Amino acid sequence: MDQTIIDYIVIISTVLFASFLFVTNIKSLTENFVVDCSNAKDGVSGCRDCCNTNEPNTYQNCVDNCMKN
């Protein structure tokens, strides 16, 4: 095989692997910052308060999940 082709294959493989690692690390970082309201249930308004503050875009789903716990 021509050395240029081998060089291109190595470069492309390296870039793909680096991209995979980057995406994996970003996913891991974002999952670490998700606020979990499942422990907010206090018998008064703990779930609603937590979900309203931390997950306003998915409020009802958050409250439903919190209340199940």
C-alpha atoms as a PDB file:
ATOM      1  CA  MET A   1       0.000   0.000   0.000  1.00  0.00           C
ATOM      2  CA  ASP A   2       1.118   3.509  -0.666  1.00  0.00           C
ATOM      3  CA  GLN A   3       2.431   5.308   2.440  1.00  0.00           C
ATOM      4  CA  THR A   4       0.135   8.287   1.791  1.00  0.00           C
ATOM      5  CA  ILE A   5      -2.941   6.067   1.958  1.00  0.00           C
ATOM      6  CA  ILE A   6      -1.732   4.530   5.202  1.00  0.00           C
ATOM      7  CA  ASP A   7      -1.122   8.003   6.634  1.00  0.00           C
ATOM      8  CA  TYR A   8      -4.656   9.082   5.694  1.00  0.00           C
ATOM      9  CA  ILE A   9      -6.133   5.957   7.274  1.00  0.00           C
ATOM     10  CA  VAL A  10      -4.209   6.631  10.492  1.00  0.00           C
ATOM     11  CA  ILE A  11      -5.289  10.281  10.552  1.00  0.00           C
ATOM     12  CA  ILE A  12      -8.950   9.441   9.894  1.00  0.00           C
ATOM     13  CA  SER A  13      -8.916   6.702  12.536  1.00  0.00           C
ATOM     14  CA  THR A  14      -7.359   9.055  15.065  1.00  0.00           C
ATOM     15  CA  VAL A  15      -9.904  11.779  14.374  1.00  0.00           C
ATOM     16  CA  LEU A  16     -12.819   9.348  14.653  1.00  0.00           C
ATOM     17  CA  PHE A  17     -11.508   7.940  17.911  1.00  0.00           C
ATOM     18  CA  ALA A  18     -10.923  11.430  19.341  1.00  0.00           C
ATOM     19  CA  SER A  19     -14.450  12.446  18.325  1.00  0.00           C
ATOM     20  CA  PHE A  20     -15.863   9.376  20.040  1.00  0.00           C
ATOM     21  CA  LEU A  21     -13.974  10.187  23.241  1.00  0.00           C
ATOM     22  CA  PHE A  22     -15.120  13.815  23.115  1.00  0.00           C
ATOM     23  CA  VAL A  23     -18.799  12.875  22.717  1.00  0.00           C
ATOM     24  CA  THR A  24     -18.530  10.270  25.473  1.00  0.00           C
ATOM     25  CA  ASN A  25     -16.937  12.774  27.859  1.00  0.00           C
ATOM     26  CA  ILE A  26     -19.510  15.483  27.098  1.00  0.00           C
ATOM     27  CA  LYS A  27     -22.329  13.006  27.757  1.00  0.00           C
ATOM     28  CA  SER A  28     -20.718  11.998  31.030  1.00  0.00           C
ATOM     29  CA  LEU A  29     -20.258  15.611  32.121  1.00  0.00           C
ATOM     30  CA  THR A  30     -23.828  16.614  31.368  1.00  0.00           C
ATOM     31  CA  GLU A  31     -25.238  13.595  33.189  1.00  0.00           C
ATOM     32  CA  ASN A  32     -23.281  14.590  36.295  1.00  0.00           C
ATOM     33  CA  PHE A  33     -25.018  17.985  36.421  1.00  0.00           C
ATOM     34  CA  VAL A  34     -28.590  16.705  36.183  1.00  0.00           C
ATOM     35  CA  VAL A  35     -30.484  17.518  39.350  1.00  0.00           C
ATOM     36  CA  ASP A  36     -32.384  14.537  40.680  1.00  0.00           C
ATOM     37  CA  CYS A  37     -35.613  15.490  42.407  1.00  0.00           C
ATOM     38  CA  SER A  38     -36.513  11.933  43.404  1.00  0.00           C
ATOM     39  CA  ASN A  39     -35.398  12.595  46.991  1.00  0.00           C
ATOM     40  CA  ALA A  40     -37.266  15.882  47.285  1.00  0.00           C
ATOM     41  CA  LYS A  41     -40.584  14.378  48.371  1.00  0.00           C
ATOM     42  CA  ASP A  42     -41.416  15.817  51.776  1.00  0.00           C
ATOM     43  CA  GLY A  43     -45.195  15.491  52.038  1.00  0.00           C
ATOM     44  CA  VAL A  44     -45.781  19.164  51.346  1.00  0.00           C
ATOM     45  CA  SER A  45     -44.382  20.645  48.144  1.00  0.00           C
ATOM     46  CA  GLY A  46     -40.854  19.250  47.923  1.00  0.00           C
ATOM     47  CA  CYS A  47     -41.299  17.598  44.527  1.00  0.00           C
ATOM     48  CA  ARG A  48     -43.084  20.603  43.041  1.00  0.00           C
ATOM     49  CA  ASP A  49     -40.508  23.053  44.377  1.00  0.00           C
ATOM     50  CA  CYS A  50     -37.554  20.992  43.176  1.00  0.00           C
ATOM     51  CA  CYS A  51     -39.040  20.360  39.726  1.00  0.00           C
ATOM     52  CA  ASN A  52     -40.152  23.968  39.283  1.00  0.00           C
ATOM     53  CA  THR A  53     -36.623  25.187  40.055  1.00  0.00           C
ATOM     54  CA  ASN A  54     -34.549  22.534  38.316  1.00  0.00           C
ATOM     55  CA  GLU A  55     -36.685  21.090  35.514  1.00  0.00           C
ATOM     56  CA  PRO A  56     -39.271  23.677  34.437  1.00  0.00           C
ATOM     57  CA  ASN A  57     -39.363  22.360  30.839  1.00  0.00           C
ATOM     58  CA  THR A  58     -40.325  18.855  32.004  1.00  0.00           C
ATOM     59  CA  TYR A  59     -42.115  19.884  35.171  1.00  0.00           C
ATOM     60  CA  GLN A  60     -45.051  17.460  35.133  1.00  0.00           C
ATOM     61  CA  ASN A  61     -42.904  14.461  34.203  1.00  0.00           C
ATOM     62  CA  CYS A  62     -40.457  15.409  36.944  1.00  0.00           C
ATOM     63  CA  VAL A  63     -43.231  15.713  39.545  1.00  0.00           C
ATOM     64  CA  ASP A  64     -44.750  12.394  38.474  1.00  0.00           C
ATOM     65  CA  ASN A  65     -41.391  10.628  38.805  1.00  0.00           C
ATOM     66  CA  CYS A  66     -40.655  12.295  42.132  1.00  0.00           C
ATOM     67  CA  MET A  67     -44.027  11.322  43.582  1.00  0.00           C
ATOM     68  CA  LYS A  68     -43.489   7.651  42.654  1.00  0.00           C
ATOM     69  CA  ASN A  69     -40.497   7.443  44.954  1.00  0.00           C
END
